[in-house]
Protein backbone atom coordinates (compact mmCIF):
# COMPACT_ATOMS: atom_id res chain seq x y z
CA MET A 1 -58.84 -118.29 28.87
CA GLU A 2 -60.47 -114.99 29.64
CA GLN A 3 -57.28 -113.79 31.19
CA GLU A 4 -55.49 -114.65 28.03
CA ILE A 5 -58.01 -112.71 26.02
CA LYS A 6 -57.64 -109.70 28.33
CA LEU A 7 -53.90 -109.85 27.93
CA THR A 8 -54.29 -110.10 24.25
CA ASN A 9 -56.67 -107.16 24.25
CA LYS A 10 -54.29 -105.20 26.46
CA THR A 11 -51.40 -106.09 24.23
CA PHE A 12 -53.49 -105.23 21.18
CA MET A 13 -54.35 -101.81 22.65
CA GLU A 14 -50.72 -101.18 23.51
CA LEU A 15 -49.68 -102.15 20.03
CA HIS A 16 -52.48 -99.99 18.61
CA GLU A 17 -51.21 -97.03 20.66
CA GLN A 18 -47.67 -97.78 19.49
CA VAL A 19 -48.84 -97.85 15.86
CA LYS A 20 -50.56 -94.45 16.30
CA LYS A 21 -47.39 -93.00 17.81
CA ASN A 22 -45.33 -94.51 15.01
CA LYS A 23 -47.69 -93.04 12.39
CA SER A 24 -47.35 -89.59 13.91
CA SER A 25 -43.57 -90.07 14.11
CA ILE A 26 -43.50 -91.14 10.49
CA LYS A 27 -45.55 -88.08 9.52
CA VAL A 28 -43.13 -85.81 11.37
CA LEU A 29 -40.16 -87.55 9.77
CA GLU A 30 -41.74 -87.25 6.31
CA ASP A 31 -42.29 -83.53 6.88
CA ASP A 32 -38.71 -83.13 8.10
CA SER A 33 -37.49 -85.16 5.15
CA LYS A 34 -39.41 -82.92 2.75
CA GLU A 35 -37.91 -79.85 4.37
CA TYR A 36 -34.43 -81.35 4.05
CA ARG A 37 -35.05 -82.28 0.41
CA ASP A 38 -36.23 -78.72 -0.27
CA ARG A 39 -33.18 -77.32 1.49
CA ILE A 40 -30.89 -79.65 -0.42
CA SER A 41 -32.56 -78.56 -3.66
CA GLU A 42 -32.05 -74.90 -2.71
CA LEU A 43 -28.42 -75.57 -1.86
CA GLU A 44 -27.87 -77.35 -5.19
CA LYS A 45 -29.35 -74.38 -7.08
CA GLU A 46 -27.23 -72.01 -5.03
CA GLN A 47 -24.15 -74.11 -5.77
CA GLU A 48 -24.89 -74.04 -9.52
CA LEU A 49 -25.32 -70.27 -9.35
CA LYS A 50 -22.04 -69.88 -7.46
CA GLU A 51 -20.23 -72.08 -9.98
CA ALA A 52 -21.66 -70.11 -12.90
CA THR A 53 -20.68 -66.86 -11.20
CA LEU A 54 -17.19 -68.12 -10.51
CA THR A 55 -16.81 -69.31 -14.10
CA TYR A 56 -17.95 -65.90 -15.35
CA ILE A 57 -15.52 -64.09 -13.05
CA ILE A 58 -12.65 -66.32 -14.14
CA GLU A 59 -13.47 -65.89 -17.83
CA LYS A 60 -13.73 -62.13 -17.43
CA ALA A 61 -10.42 -62.00 -15.55
CA ILE A 62 -8.71 -64.08 -18.23
CA ASN A 63 -10.20 -61.96 -21.01
CA GLU A 64 -9.09 -58.77 -19.29
CA ALA A 65 -5.61 -60.18 -18.73
CA LEU A 66 -5.27 -61.36 -22.32
CA LYS A 67 -6.97 -58.35 -23.97
CA PRO A 68 -3.73 -56.37 -24.43
CA TYR A 69 -2.08 -59.37 -26.05
CA ALA A 70 -5.07 -60.01 -28.28
CA ASP A 71 -5.12 -56.35 -29.30
CA GLU A 72 -1.38 -56.45 -30.02
CA ASN A 73 -1.87 -59.63 -32.03
CA THR A 74 -4.62 -57.94 -34.05
CA ASN A 75 -2.43 -54.90 -34.62
CA LEU A 76 0.46 -57.10 -35.76
CA LYS A 77 -1.80 -58.95 -38.16
CA ASP A 78 -2.98 -55.62 -39.59
CA GLN A 79 0.65 -54.48 -39.96
CA ILE A 80 1.54 -57.72 -41.72
CA LYS A 81 -1.35 -57.21 -44.14
CA ASP A 82 -0.23 -53.64 -44.77
CA LEU A 83 3.37 -54.78 -45.34
CA GLN A 84 2.21 -57.44 -47.78
CA ILE A 85 0.15 -54.87 -49.65
CA ASP A 86 3.11 -52.47 -49.63
CA LYS A 87 5.33 -55.28 -50.95
CA TYR A 88 3.03 -55.78 -53.91
CA LYS A 89 2.70 -52.02 -54.47
CA THR A 90 6.48 -51.67 -54.44
CA ALA A 91 6.86 -54.57 -56.86
CA TYR A 92 4.23 -53.04 -59.13
CA ASN A 93 5.97 -49.64 -59.02
CA ALA A 94 9.34 -51.26 -59.74
CA TRP A 95 7.91 -53.09 -62.77
CA LYS A 96 6.22 -49.89 -63.85
CA TRP A 97 9.53 -47.96 -63.75
CA VAL A 98 11.38 -50.78 -65.46
CA SER A 99 8.73 -50.76 -68.18
CA ILE A 100 8.84 -46.98 -68.51
CA SER A 101 12.65 -47.05 -68.65
CA ALA A 102 12.65 -49.85 -71.21
CA GLY A 103 10.07 -47.95 -73.25
CA ALA A 104 12.12 -44.77 -73.03
CA VAL A 105 15.26 -46.65 -74.13
CA ILE A 106 13.38 -48.21 -77.06
CA VAL A 107 11.86 -44.86 -78.02
CA GLY A 108 15.28 -43.21 -77.65
CA PHE A 109 16.87 -45.91 -79.81
CA ALA A 110 14.14 -45.54 -82.43
CA VAL A 111 14.49 -41.74 -82.46
CA THR A 112 18.28 -42.02 -82.66
CA ALA A 113 18.02 -44.53 -85.51
CA PHE A 114 15.49 -42.25 -87.25
CA ILE A 115 17.76 -39.20 -86.84
CA ASN A 116 20.78 -41.15 -87.99
CA ALA A 117 18.80 -42.33 -91.02
CA ILE A 118 17.85 -38.76 -91.87
CA VAL A 119 21.33 -37.41 -91.34
CA ASN A 120 23.11 -40.12 -93.29
């Protein structure tokens, strides 16, 4: 029975040693795992920054490429507004001259009728 106890004690000591080694291995693995998590976090932040930078570059390139067309579009809109305003100005001037001419004809008719009344 003593021999069995000695074996058990020996086995216990070996297992105790193994547990200590495993604890130290676990500690090392936890430290490594933390380093890897930190590195992964850094890489994710770097990836987000690169994506944001790429998005900015693409937007800037598109804006620069489309800027002449946008400017031309703005100029054309301004020209259309000016033409619409000119259309209304021309219509106003036409009505103004028609009114002046009609007034002159009426005044001329009235003066002619007045002269004819005096003469006759």
